Amino acid sequence: MKAWFIAAALAVLGSLGAHAQAPASGQTLATVKARGLLVCGVSQGFAGFSVPDSRGEFRGLDADYCRAVAAAVLGDPAKVRFVPLTAQARFTALQTGEIDVLFRNSTQTFLRDASLGLNQGPVNFYDGQGFAVRRDSNVKRVADLDGATVCVAQGTTHELNLGDTFRARRLRFSPVVFERVDTMYDAFFAGRCDAMTQDASALAGALTVARDPSAYAVLEETISKEPLGPFTRNGDDQWSNVVAWVHYALVEARSWASPPPMPRSAPRAGKPPPSGCSAPAASSAPGSASTTAGPSTPYARSAIMGRRSSATSAKAAR
């Protein structure tokens, strides 16, 4: 992760230096630099995204993005103050300037883009809305939840999707709405709801803190697409660009740290073929047909496979 921060800092700071004379349409970047601290909005506790550890330090994907932005702008990933926010309060905190950027596994939608006065940054995690149930409930799919009580967080896309999906499928349900996800988890584990709905990744993380995680399961079926990513304020293009390019730099840094495997190719001349492969026989004369035990070109291989498939089909027909 340290290499990611360094790569992000170099990439973004280089970009800022190249455009230092361009007038900024907002003041967030200058404010963060003058303060010497990034104020980052996160969740109150989603395992894998942002959750405090035993020392009270936030860990997870969103928390690491906050640190990456701090590394890029301030040169130190530790210069972050995390602000835990409910789903209901997260966008207001950004609109009013309480936080500089929001990394809180928030879904990007057309409605939010058009109505909140906020800018949606690059998607950093693709998710889908799922359901957690008790294993002994024998619920295997969403249709089995007809007549169920469902725990859901207030002010989320999950609340809207739940109502839309169940009404469209003519399923009866009773929503139990919570402002805080931790109280929603407690209620579900206490048996107050038949099911709990949230992003599938968040549900999987929530079940790890149950007294008996093996007693619960997340249904394979999802009812939505949830592209998650950061939010910044509209009209602050320079700051939005910083946040966006930190993401792009992290993607590049990850590819540098773990380069993709090289494509497999034919053995070079002078080297023995891999185990199980036959070496091509030498041609008797220039331009003559090669008498090899196997095809020597991709086209030849595909042609032979095509003939074999045809022969197999003919046998099957007989």
C-alpha atoms as a PDB file:
ATOM      1  CA  MET A   1       0.000   0.000   0.000  1.00  0.00           C
ATOM      2  CA  LYS A   2       2.901   2.388   0.707  1.00  0.00           C
ATOM      3  CA  ALA A   3       3.996   2.098  -2.926  1.00  0.00           C
ATOM      4  CA  TRP A   4       0.497   3.047  -4.018  1.00  0.00           C
ATOM      5  CA  PHE A   5       0.605   6.226  -1.900  1.00  0.00           C
ATOM      6  CA  ILE A   6       4.008   7.239  -3.288  1.00  0.00           C
ATOM      7  CA  ALA A   7       2.913   6.677  -6.887  1.00  0.00           C
ATOM      8  CA  ALA A   8      -0.299   8.600  -6.308  1.00  0.00           C
ATOM      9  CA  ALA A   9       1.557  11.510  -4.722  1.00  0.00           C
ATOM     10  CA  LEU A  10       4.075  11.768  -7.550  1.00  0.00           C
ATOM     11  CA  ALA A  11       1.422  11.589 -10.247  1.00  0.00           C
ATOM     12  CA  VAL A  12      -0.951  14.094  -8.712  1.00  0.00           C
ATOM     13  CA  LEU A  13       1.659  16.560  -7.473  1.00  0.00           C
ATOM     14  CA  GLY A  14       3.234  16.515 -10.932  1.00  0.00           C
ATOM     15  CA  SER A  15      -0.153  17.331 -12.429  1.00  0.00           C
ATOM     16  CA  LEU A  16      -0.700  20.193  -9.988  1.00  0.00           C
ATOM     17  CA  GLY A  17       2.709  21.649 -10.703  1.00  0.00           C
ATOM     18  CA  ALA A  18       2.088  21.634 -14.436  1.00  0.00           C
ATOM     19  CA  HIS A  19      -1.137  23.601 -14.002  1.00  0.00           C
ATOM     20  CA  ALA A  20      -0.210  25.845 -11.081  1.00  0.00           C
ATOM     21  CA  GLN A  21      -1.053  28.992 -13.050  1.00  0.00           C
ATOM     22  CA  ALA A  22      -4.577  27.863 -13.945  1.00  0.00           C
ATOM     23  CA  PRO A  23      -7.235  29.643 -11.864  1.00  0.00           C
ATOM     24  CA  ALA A  24      -9.003  27.336  -9.444  1.00  0.00           C
ATOM     25  CA  SER A  25     -12.790  27.384  -9.461  1.00  0.00           C
ATOM     26  CA  GLY A  26     -12.913  26.332  -5.791  1.00  0.00           C
ATOM     27  CA  GLN A  27     -10.891  26.655  -2.630  1.00  0.00           C
ATOM     28  CA  THR A  28     -10.744  23.119  -1.231  1.00  0.00           C
ATOM     29  CA  LEU A  29      -7.191  22.380  -2.339  1.00  0.00           C
ATOM     30  CA  ALA A  30      -5.891  25.645  -0.847  1.00  0.00           C
ATOM     31  CA  THR A  31      -7.865  25.038   2.350  1.00  0.00           C
ATOM     32  CA  VAL A  32      -6.483  21.527   2.800  1.00  0.00           C
ATOM     33  CA  LYS A  33      -2.918  22.713   2.209  1.00  0.00           C
ATOM     34  CA  ALA A  34      -3.285  25.635   4.627  1.00  0.00           C
ATOM     35  CA  ARG A  35      -4.847  23.381   7.274  1.00  0.00           C
ATOM     36  CA  GLY A  36      -2.236  20.685   6.768  1.00  0.00           C
ATOM     37  CA  LEU A  37      -4.910  18.059   7.214  1.00  0.00           C
ATOM     38  CA  LEU A  38      -7.471  16.299   5.019  1.00  0.00           C
ATOM     39  CA  VAL A  39     -10.971  15.925   6.478  1.00  0.00           C
ATOM     40  CA  CYS A  40     -12.455  12.783   4.944  1.00  0.00           C
ATOM     41  CA  GLY A  41     -16.012  11.521   5.340  1.00  0.00           C
ATOM     42  CA  VAL A  42     -16.350   7.750   5.827  1.00  0.00           C
ATOM     43  CA  SER A  43     -18.899   5.272   7.117  1.00  0.00           C
ATOM     44  CA  GLN A  44     -19.469   4.498  10.769  1.00  0.00           C
ATOM     45  CA  GLY A  45     -18.258   0.974  10.229  1.00  0.00           C
ATOM     46  CA  PHE A  46     -18.435  -1.095   7.021  1.00  0.00           C
ATOM     47  CA  ALA A  47     -15.970  -3.978   7.158  1.00  0.00           C
ATOM     48  CA  GLY A  48     -13.674  -3.841   4.155  1.00  0.00           C
ATOM     49  CA  PHE A  49     -14.438  -0.169   3.470  1.00  0.00           C
ATOM     50  CA  SER A  50     -13.970   1.893   6.626  1.00  0.00           C
ATOM     51  CA  VAL A  51     -14.083   0.429  10.106  1.00  0.00           C
ATOM     52  CA  PRO A  52     -12.023   1.347  13.193  1.00  0.00           C
ATOM     53  CA  ASP A  53      -9.566  -1.303  14.379  1.00  0.00           C
ATOM     54  CA  SER A  54      -8.614  -2.102  17.979  1.00  0.00           C
ATOM     55  CA  ARG A  55      -6.590   1.124  18.130  1.00  0.00           C
ATOM     56  CA  GLY A  56      -9.388   3.242  16.714  1.00  0.00           C
ATOM     57  CA  GLU A  57      -7.701   3.682  13.325  1.00  0.00           C
ATOM     58  CA  PHE A  58      -9.955   3.356  10.301  1.00  0.00           C
ATOM     59  CA  ARG A  59      -9.121   0.500   7.934  1.00  0.00           C
ATOM     60  CA  GLY A  60     -10.520  -0.541   4.568  1.00  0.00           C
ATOM     61  CA  LEU A  61     -10.785   0.531   0.949  1.00  0.00           C
ATOM     62  CA  ASP A  62     -12.395   3.935   1.563  1.00  0.00           C
ATOM     63  CA  ALA A  63     -10.038   4.738   4.438  1.00  0.00           C
ATOM     64  CA  ASP A  64      -7.050   3.921   2.226  1.00  0.00           C
ATOM     65  CA  TYR A  65      -8.363   6.237  -0.488  1.00  0.00           C
ATOM     66  CA  CYS A  66      -8.487   9.037   2.086  1.00  0.00           C
ATOM     67  CA  ARG A  67      -4.866   8.340   2.982  1.00  0.00           C
ATOM     68  CA  ALA A  68      -3.884   8.283  -0.688  1.00  0.00           C
ATOM     69  CA  VAL A  69      -5.378  11.749  -1.240  1.00  0.00           C
ATOM     70  CA  ALA A  70      -3.526  13.031   1.840  1.00  0.00           C
ATOM     71  CA  ALA A  71      -0.285  11.526   0.510  1.00  0.00           C
ATOM     72  CA  ALA A  72      -0.794  13.198  -2.866  1.00  0.00           C
ATOM     73  CA  VAL A  73      -1.672  16.650  -1.523  1.00  0.00           C
ATOM     74  CA  LEU A  74       0.212  16.836   1.787  1.00  0.00           C
ATOM     75  CA  GLY A  75       2.959  14.265   1.289  1.00  0.00           C
ATOM     76  CA  ASP A  76       1.861  12.217   4.303  1.00  0.00           C
ATOM     77  CA  PRO A  77      -0.885   9.549   4.345  1.00  0.00           C
ATOM     78  CA  ALA A  78      -1.278  10.018   8.095  1.00  0.00           C
ATOM     79  CA  LYS A  79      -2.504  13.601   7.758  1.00  0.00           C
ATOM     80  CA  VAL A  80      -6.189  12.641   7.697  1.00  0.00           C
ATOM     81  CA  ARG A  81      -9.058  13.239  10.084  1.00  0.00           C
ATOM     82  CA  PHE A  82     -11.799  10.695   9.545  1.00  0.00           C
ATOM     83  CA  VAL A  83     -15.388  11.825  10.075  1.00  0.00           C
ATOM     84  CA  PRO A  84     -17.811   8.887  10.501  1.00  0.00           C
ATOM     85  CA  LEU A  85     -21.162   9.736   8.900  1.00  0.00           C
ATOM     86  CA  THR A  86     -24.585   8.148   8.660  1.00  0.00           C
ATOM     87  CA  ALA A  87     -26.092   7.610   5.229  1.00  0.00           C
ATOM     88  CA  GLN A  88     -28.593  10.357   5.992  1.00  0.00           C
ATOM     89  CA  ALA A  89     -25.933  12.949   6.915  1.00  0.00           C
ATOM     90  CA  ARG A  90     -23.122  12.153   4.467  1.00  0.00           C
ATOM     91  CA  PHE A  91     -24.083  14.410   1.557  1.00  0.00           C
ATOM     92  CA  THR A  92     -25.100  17.316   3.791  1.00  0.00           C
ATOM     93  CA  ALA A  93     -21.683  17.155   5.471  1.00  0.00           C
ATOM     94  CA  LEU A  94     -20.016  17.569   2.085  1.00  0.00           C
ATOM     95  CA  GLN A  95     -22.396  20.296   0.885  1.00  0.00           C
ATOM     96  CA  THR A  96     -21.830  22.414   4.004  1.00  0.00           C
ATOM     97  CA  GLY A  97     -18.038  22.051   3.967  1.00  0.00           C
ATOM     98  CA  GLU A  98     -17.815  19.903   7.102  1.00  0.00           C
ATOM     99  CA  ILE A  99     -15.656  17.477   5.103  1.00  0.00           C
ATOM    100  CA  ASP A 100     -13.354  17.917   2.101  1.00  0.00           C
ATOM    101  CA  VAL A 101     -14.242  14.699   0.283  1.00  0.00           C
ATOM    102  CA  LEU A 102     -16.632  11.803   0.794  1.00  0.00           C
ATOM    103  CA  PHE A 103     -15.366   8.227   0.562  1.00  0.00           C
ATOM    104  CA  ARG A 104     -18.274   6.318   2.061  1.00  0.00           C
ATOM    105  CA  ASN A 105     -19.198   3.414  -0.268  1.00  0.00           C
ATOM    106  CA  SER A 106     -21.791   5.707  -1.843  1.00  0.00           C
ATOM    107  CA  THR A 107     -23.692   4.690  -4.961  1.00  0.00           C
ATOM    108  CA  GLN A 108     -23.448   6.939  -7.992  1.00  0.00           C
ATOM    109  CA  THR A 109     -26.828   7.616  -9.590  1.00  0.00           C
ATOM    110  CA  PHE A 110     -28.310  10.004 -12.134  1.00  0.00           C
ATOM    111  CA  LEU A 111     -30.605  11.534  -9.505  1.00  0.00           C
ATOM    112  CA  ARG A 112     -27.745  12.298  -7.140  1.00  0.00           C
ATOM    113  CA  ASP A 113     -25.651  13.725  -9.943  1.00  0.00           C
ATOM    114  CA  ALA A 114     -28.487  16.017 -11.041  1.00  0.00           C
ATOM    115  CA  SER A 115     -29.861  17.143  -7.685  1.00  0.00           C
ATOM    116  CA  LEU A 116     -27.195  17.218  -4.946  1.00  0.00           C
ATOM    117  CA  GLY A 117     -24.820  19.829  -6.339  1.00  0.00           C
ATOM    118  CA  LEU A 118     -22.004  17.306  -5.970  1.00  0.00           C
ATOM    119  CA  ASN A 119     -19.518  15.761  -8.353  1.00  0.00           C
ATOM    120  CA  GLN A 120     -19.249  11.974  -8.643  1.00  0.00           C
ATOM    121  CA  GLY A 121     -15.687  10.726  -9.011  1.00  0.00           C
ATOM    122  CA  PRO A 122     -14.389   7.535 -10.645  1.00  0.00           C
ATOM    123  CA  VAL A 123     -16.060   4.295  -9.615  1.00  0.00           C
ATOM    124  CA  ASN A 124     -13.734   2.318  -7.343  1.00  0.00           C
ATOM    125  CA  PHE A 125     -15.987  -0.636  -6.475  1.00  0.00           C
ATOM    126  CA  TYR A 126     -18.873  -2.305  -8.305  1.00  0.00           C
ATOM    127  CA  ASP A 127     -21.468  -3.860  -6.041  1.00  0.00           C
ATOM    128  CA  GLY A 128     -25.091  -4.982  -5.976  1.00  0.00           C
ATOM    129  CA  GLN A 129     -27.840  -4.866  -3.369  1.00  0.00           C
ATOM    130  CA  GLY A 130     -28.348  -8.179  -1.626  1.00  0.00           C
ATOM    131  CA  PHE A 131     -30.104  -9.746   1.341  1.00  0.00           C
ATOM    132  CA  ALA A 132     -28.815 -11.476   4.471  1.00  0.00           C
ATOM    133  CA  VAL A 133     -30.987 -14.113   6.143  1.00  0.00           C
ATOM    134  CA  ARG A 134     -30.718 -16.822   8.770  1.00  0.00           C
ATOM    135  CA  ARG A 135     -29.733 -20.162   7.284  1.00  0.00           C
ATOM    136  CA  ASP A 136     -32.489 -21.966   9.147  1.00  0.00           C
ATOM    137  CA  SER A 137     -35.124 -19.723   7.522  1.00  0.00           C
ATOM    138  CA  ASN A 138     -34.911 -21.780   4.295  1.00  0.00           C
ATOM    139  CA  VAL A 139     -34.958 -18.557   2.266  1.00  0.00           C
ATOM    140  CA  LYS A 140     -32.994 -19.201  -0.928  1.00  0.00           C
ATOM    141  CA  ARG A 141     -34.103 -16.341  -3.186  1.00  0.00           C
ATOM    142  CA  VAL A 142     -35.811 -12.967  -3.005  1.00  0.00           C
ATOM    143  CA  ALA A 143     -39.214 -14.450  -3.886  1.00  0.00           C
ATOM    144  CA  ASP A 144     -39.067 -16.437  -0.636  1.00  0.00           C
ATOM    145  CA  LEU A 145     -39.169 -13.142   1.316  1.00  0.00           C
ATOM    146  CA  ASP A 146     -42.851 -12.557   0.538  1.00  0.00           C
ATOM    147  CA  GLY A 147     -44.413 -11.200   3.746  1.00  0.00           C
ATOM    148  CA  ALA A 148     -41.036 -10.681   5.467  1.00  0.00           C
ATOM    149  CA  THR A 149     -39.862  -7.835   7.666  1.00  0.00           C
ATOM    150  CA  VAL A 150     -36.693  -6.313   6.201  1.00  0.00           C
ATOM    151  CA  CYS A 151     -34.105  -4.169   7.976  1.00  0.00           C
ATOM    152  CA  VAL A 152     -32.842  -1.313   5.788  1.00  0.00           C
ATOM    153  CA  ALA A 153     -30.805   1.872   6.295  1.00  0.00           C
ATOM    154  CA  GLN A 154     -32.521   5.230   5.942  1.00  0.00           C
ATOM    155  CA  GLY A 155     -31.559   7.645   3.165  1.00  0.00           C
ATOM    156  CA  THR A 156     -29.960   5.002   0.944  1.00  0.00           C
ATOM    157  CA  THR A 157     -30.602   3.644  -2.521  1.00  0.00           C
ATOM    158  CA  HIS A 158     -31.290   0.353  -0.742  1.00  0.00           C
ATOM    159  CA  GLU A 159     -34.444   1.782   0.802  1.00  0.00           C
ATOM    160  CA  LEU A 160     -35.750   2.862  -2.617  1.00  0.00           C
ATOM    161  CA  ASN A 161     -34.687  -0.322  -4.413  1.00  0.00           C
ATOM    162  CA  LEU A 162     -36.344  -2.472  -1.769  1.00  0.00           C
ATOM    163  CA  GLY A 163     -39.722  -0.812  -2.264  1.00  0.00           C
ATOM    164  CA  ASP A 164     -39.481  -0.684  -6.058  1.00  0.00           C
ATOM    165  CA  THR A 165     -38.434  -4.330  -6.413  1.00  0.00           C
ATOM    166  CA  PHE A 166     -40.945  -5.811  -4.017  1.00  0.00           C
ATOM    167  CA  ARG A 167     -43.834  -3.802  -5.473  1.00  0.00           C
ATOM    168  CA  ALA A 168     -42.829  -4.745  -9.026  1.00  0.00           C
ATOM    169  CA  ARG A 169     -42.748  -8.430  -8.057  1.00  0.00           C
ATOM    170  CA  ARG A 170     -45.939  -8.104  -5.998  1.00  0.00           C
ATOM    171  CA  LEU A 171     -44.216  -9.251  -2.835  1.00  0.00           C
ATOM    172  CA  ARG A 172     -45.490  -8.131   0.544  1.00  0.00           C
ATOM    173  CA  PHE A 173     -42.934  -6.748   3.001  1.00  0.00           C
ATOM    174  CA  SER A 174     -42.633  -4.619   6.124  1.00  0.00           C
ATOM    175  CA  PRO A 175     -39.553  -2.333   6.130  1.00  0.00           C
ATOM    176  CA  VAL A 176     -37.840  -1.577   9.438  1.00  0.00           C
ATOM    177  CA  VAL A 177     -35.799   1.592   8.816  1.00  0.00           C
ATOM    178  CA  PHE A 178     -32.675   2.577  10.768  1.00  0.00           C
ATOM    179  CA  GLU A 179     -30.604   5.755  10.690  1.00  0.00           C
ATOM    180  CA  ARG A 180     -27.434   3.972  11.804  1.00  0.00           C
ATOM    181  CA  VAL A 181     -26.128   0.749  10.292  1.00  0.00           C
ATOM    182  CA  ASP A 182     -24.728  -0.515  13.591  1.00  0.00           C
ATOM    183  CA  THR A 183     -28.184  -0.418  15.194  1.00  0.00           C
ATOM    184  CA  MET A 184     -29.569  -2.102  12.070  1.00  0.00           C
ATOM    185  CA  TYR A 185     -27.053  -4.916  12.476  1.00  0.00           C
ATOM    186  CA  ASP A 186     -27.922  -5.317  16.159  1.00  0.00           C
ATOM    187  CA  ALA A 187     -31.623  -5.478  15.346  1.00  0.00           C
ATOM    188  CA  PHE A 188     -31.139  -8.096  12.642  1.00  0.00           C
ATOM    189  CA  PHE A 189     -28.924 -10.310  14.780  1.00  0.00           C
ATOM    190  CA  ALA A 190     -31.442  -9.988  17.618  1.00  0.00           C
ATOM    191  CA  GLY A 191     -34.139 -11.416  15.333  1.00  0.00           C
ATOM    192  CA  ARG A 192     -36.164  -8.251  14.866  1.00  0.00           C
ATOM    193  CA  CYS A 193     -36.128  -8.662  11.058  1.00  0.00           C
ATOM    194  CA  ASP A 194     -36.450 -11.687   8.805  1.00  0.00           C
ATOM    195  CA  ALA A 195     -33.869 -10.243   6.426  1.00  0.00           C
ATOM    196  CA  MET A 196     -31.447  -7.340   6.117  1.00  0.00           C
ATOM    197  CA  THR A 197     -30.675  -5.576   2.833  1.00  0.00           C
ATOM    198  CA  GLN A 198     -27.576  -3.616   1.863  1.00  0.00           C
ATOM    199  CA  ASP A 199     -24.718  -3.812  -0.622  1.00  0.00           C
ATOM    200  CA  ALA A 200     -23.725  -7.478  -0.812  1.00  0.00           C
ATOM    201  CA  SER A 201     -20.128  -6.683   0.134  1.00  0.00           C
ATOM    202  CA  ALA A 202     -21.257  -4.773   3.239  1.00  0.00           C
ATOM    203  CA  LEU A 203     -23.552  -7.642   4.225  1.00  0.00           C
ATOM    204  CA  ALA A 204     -20.681 -10.124   3.961  1.00  0.00           C
ATOM    205  CA  GLY A 205     -18.599  -7.893   6.220  1.00  0.00           C
ATOM    206  CA  ALA A 206     -21.461  -7.429   8.684  1.00  0.00           C
ATOM    207  CA  LEU A 207     -21.911 -11.163   9.136  1.00  0.00           C
ATOM    208  CA  THR A 208     -18.318 -11.506  10.322  1.00  0.00           C
ATOM    209  CA  VAL A 209     -19.189  -9.637  13.533  1.00  0.00           C
ATOM    210  CA  ALA A 210     -22.191 -11.836  14.343  1.00  0.00           C
ATOM    211  CA  ARG A 211     -21.926 -14.044  17.408  1.00  0.00           C
ATOM    212  CA  ASP A 212     -22.280 -17.053  15.101  1.00  0.00           C
ATOM    213  CA  PRO A 213     -21.485 -16.052  11.495  1.00  0.00           C
ATOM    214  CA  SER A 214     -22.220 -19.565  10.253  1.00  0.00           C
ATOM    215  CA  ALA A 215     -25.890 -19.098  11.234  1.00  0.00           C
ATOM    216  CA  TYR A 216     -26.370 -16.492   8.480  1.00  0.00           C
ATOM    217  CA  ALA A 217     -25.996 -16.308   4.711  1.00  0.00           C
ATOM    218  CA  VAL A 218     -26.098 -13.709   1.945  1.00  0.00           C
ATOM    219  CA  LEU A 219     -28.431 -14.645  -0.902  1.00  0.00           C
ATOM    220  CA  GLU A 220     -26.754 -15.047  -4.289  1.00  0.00           C
ATOM    221  CA  GLU A 221     -29.472 -12.965  -5.961  1.00  0.00           C
ATOM    222  CA  THR A 222     -29.039  -9.185  -6.122  1.00  0.00           C
ATOM    223  CA  ILE A 223     -31.664  -6.622  -7.085  1.00  0.00           C
ATOM    224  CA  SER A 224     -29.572  -3.681  -8.296  1.00  0.00           C
ATOM    225  CA  LYS A 225     -26.268  -2.436  -9.621  1.00  0.00           C
ATOM    226  CA  GLU A 226     -24.332  -0.278  -7.154  1.00  0.00           C
ATOM    227  CA  PRO A 227     -21.313   1.584  -8.637  1.00  0.00           C
ATOM    228  CA  LEU A 228     -19.516   3.090  -5.635  1.00  0.00           C
ATOM    229  CA  GLY A 229     -17.099   6.001  -5.609  1.00  0.00           C
ATOM    230  CA  PRO A 230     -16.073   9.350  -4.072  1.00  0.00           C
ATOM    231  CA  PHE A 231     -18.016  12.616  -4.068  1.00  0.00           C
ATOM    232  CA  THR A 232     -16.721  16.191  -4.148  1.00  0.00           C
ATOM    233  CA  ARG A 233     -18.452  19.565  -4.471  1.00  0.00           C
ATOM    234  CA  ASN A 234     -19.523  20.934  -7.841  1.00  0.00           C
ATOM    235  CA  GLY A 235     -17.694  24.070  -8.992  1.00  0.00           C
ATOM    236  CA  ASP A 236     -14.396  22.911  -7.497  1.00  0.00           C
ATOM    237  CA  ASP A 237     -12.897  21.375 -10.595  1.00  0.00           C
ATOM    238  CA  GLN A 238      -9.274  21.408  -9.497  1.00  0.00           C
ATOM    239  CA  TRP A 239     -10.059  19.507  -6.295  1.00  0.00           C
ATOM    240  CA  SER A 240     -12.294  17.053  -8.148  1.00  0.00           C
ATOM    241  CA  ASN A 241      -9.447  16.438 -10.590  1.00  0.00           C
ATOM    242  CA  VAL A 242      -7.041  15.760  -7.725  1.00  0.00           C
ATOM    243  CA  VAL A 243      -9.400  13.144  -6.262  1.00  0.00           C
ATOM    244  CA  ALA A 244      -9.981  11.575  -9.678  1.00  0.00           C
ATOM    245  CA  TRP A 245      -6.309  11.386 -10.580  1.00  0.00           C
ATOM    246  CA  VAL A 246      -5.416   9.855  -7.235  1.00  0.00           C
ATOM    247  CA  HIS A 247      -7.695   6.988  -8.248  1.00  0.00           C
ATOM    248  CA  TYR A 248      -6.095   6.686 -11.685  1.00  0.00           C
ATOM    249  CA  ALA A 249      -2.611   6.781 -10.118  1.00  0.00           C
ATOM    250  CA  LEU A 250      -3.548   3.996  -7.704  1.00  0.00           C
ATOM    251  CA  VAL A 251      -4.778   1.853 -10.576  1.00  0.00           C
ATOM    252  CA  GLU A 252      -1.484   2.414 -12.406  1.00  0.00           C
ATOM    253  CA  ALA A 253       0.549   1.765  -9.242  1.00  0.00           C
ATOM    254  CA  ARG A 254      -1.258  -1.519  -8.741  1.00  0.00           C
ATOM    255  CA  SER A 255      -0.420  -2.603 -12.281  1.00  0.00           C
ATOM    256  CA  TRP A 256       3.233  -1.720 -11.702  1.00  0.00           C
ATOM    257  CA  ALA A 257       3.335  -3.669  -8.440  1.00  0.00           C
ATOM    258  CA  SER A 258       1.777  -6.784  -9.991  1.00  0.00           C
ATOM    259  CA  PRO A 259       2.347  -6.844 -13.761  1.00  0.00           C
ATOM    260  CA  PRO A 260       0.016  -9.167 -15.666  1.00  0.00           C
ATOM    261  CA  PRO A 261       1.466 -12.526 -16.722  1.00  0.00           C
ATOM    262  CA  MET A 262       3.044 -12.594 -20.155  1.00  0.00           C
ATOM    263  CA  PRO A 263       0.960 -14.374 -22.812  1.00  0.00           C
ATOM    264  CA  ARG A 264       2.020 -17.892 -23.575  1.00  0.00           C
ATOM    265  CA  SER A 265       3.880 -18.214 -26.856  1.00  0.00           C
ATOM    266  CA  ALA A 266       5.500 -20.889 -28.957  1.00  0.00           C
ATOM    267  CA  PRO A 267       8.958 -22.049 -27.760  1.00  0.00           C
ATOM    268  CA  ARG A 268      11.889 -20.228 -29.321  1.00  0.00           C
ATOM    269  CA  ALA A 269      14.236 -21.937 -31.734  1.00  0.00           C
ATOM    270  CA  GLY A 270      16.908 -23.984 -30.033  1.00  0.00           C
ATOM    271  CA  LYS A 271      14.853 -24.617 -26.900  1.00  0.00           C
ATOM    272  CA  PRO A 272      13.075 -27.905 -26.197  1.00  0.00           C
ATOM    273  CA  PRO A 273       9.270 -27.765 -26.358  1.00  0.00           C
ATOM    274  CA  PRO A 274       7.247 -27.826 -23.125  1.00  0.00           C
ATOM    275  CA  SER A 275       6.555 -31.213 -21.614  1.00  0.00           C
ATOM    276  CA  GLY A 276       3.792 -33.023 -23.459  1.00  0.00           C
ATOM    277  CA  CYS A 277       4.321 -31.158 -26.752  1.00  0.00           C
ATOM    278  CA  SER A 278       5.925 -32.583 -29.879  1.00  0.00           C
ATOM    279  CA  ALA A 279       8.748 -30.782 -31.636  1.00  0.00           C
ATOM    280  CA  PRO A 280       7.977 -29.832 -35.255  1.00  0.00           C
ATOM    281  CA  ALA A 281       9.842 -31.924 -37.802  1.00  0.00           C
ATOM    282  CA  ALA A 282      12.221 -30.175 -40.182  1.00  0.00           C
ATOM    283  CA  SER A 283      11.008 -29.633 -43.741  1.00  0.00           C
ATOM    284  CA  SER A 284      12.792 -31.703 -46.396  1.00  0.00           C
ATOM    285  CA  ALA A 285      13.077 -28.700 -48.725  1.00  0.00           C
ATOM    286  CA  PRO A 286      12.285 -25.005 -48.732  1.00  0.00           C
ATOM    287  CA  GLY A 287       8.594 -24.439 -49.312  1.00  0.00           C
ATOM    288  CA  SER A 288       7.691 -28.075 -48.684  1.00  0.00           C
ATOM    289  CA  ALA A 289       4.913 -29.001 -46.251  1.00  0.00           C
ATOM    290  CA  SER A 290       6.022 -29.523 -42.684  1.00  0.00           C
ATOM    291  CA  THR A 291       5.377 -32.998 -41.297  1.00  0.00           C
ATOM    292  CA  THR A 292       4.795 -32.139 -37.653  1.00  0.00           C
ATOM    293  CA  ALA A 293       3.093 -34.114 -34.933  1.00  0.00           C
ATOM    294  CA  GLY A 294       0.994 -31.067 -34.118  1.00  0.00           C
ATOM    295  CA  PRO A 295      -0.166 -27.878 -35.859  1.00  0.00           C
ATOM    296  CA  SER A 296       2.538 -25.231 -36.237  1.00  0.00           C
ATOM    297  CA  THR A 297       0.394 -22.095 -36.466  1.00  0.00           C
ATOM    298  CA  PRO A 298      -2.734 -20.825 -34.684  1.00  0.00           C
ATOM    299  CA  TYR A 299      -4.586 -20.981 -38.018  1.00  0.00           C
ATOM    300  CA  ALA A 300      -3.535 -24.598 -38.556  1.00  0.00           C
ATOM    301  CA  ARG A 301      -4.572 -25.504 -35.009  1.00  0.00           C
ATOM    302  CA  SER A 302      -7.995 -23.936 -35.459  1.00  0.00           C
ATOM    303  CA  ALA A 303      -8.434 -25.650 -38.832  1.00  0.00           C
ATOM    304  CA  ILE A 304      -7.547 -29.038 -37.391  1.00  0.00           C
ATOM    305  CA  MET A 305      -9.863 -28.487 -34.425  1.00  0.00           C
ATOM    306  CA  GLY A 306     -12.597 -27.542 -36.876  1.00  0.00           C
ATOM    307  CA  ARG A 307     -12.112 -30.769 -38.820  1.00  0.00           C
ATOM    308  CA  ARG A 308     -12.104 -32.774 -35.605  1.00  0.00           C
ATOM    309  CA  SER A 309     -15.315 -31.090 -34.487  1.00  0.00           C
ATOM    310  CA  SER A 310     -16.905 -31.843 -37.864  1.00  0.00           C
ATOM    311  CA  ALA A 311     -15.840 -35.479 -37.653  1.00  0.00           C
ATOM    312  CA  THR A 312     -17.187 -35.768 -34.121  1.00  0.00           C
ATOM    313  CA  SER A 313     -20.488 -34.224 -35.168  1.00  0.00           C
ATOM    314  CA  ALA A 314     -20.735 -36.625 -38.103  1.00  0.00           C
ATOM    315  CA  LYS A 315     -20.152 -39.626 -35.831  1.00  0.00           C
ATOM    316  CA  ALA A 316     -22.749 -38.349 -33.395  1.00  0.00           C
ATOM    317  CA  ALA A 317     -25.223 -37.920 -36.264  1.00  0.00           C
ATOM    318  CA  ARG A 318     -24.662 -41.507 -37.299  1.00  0.00           C
END
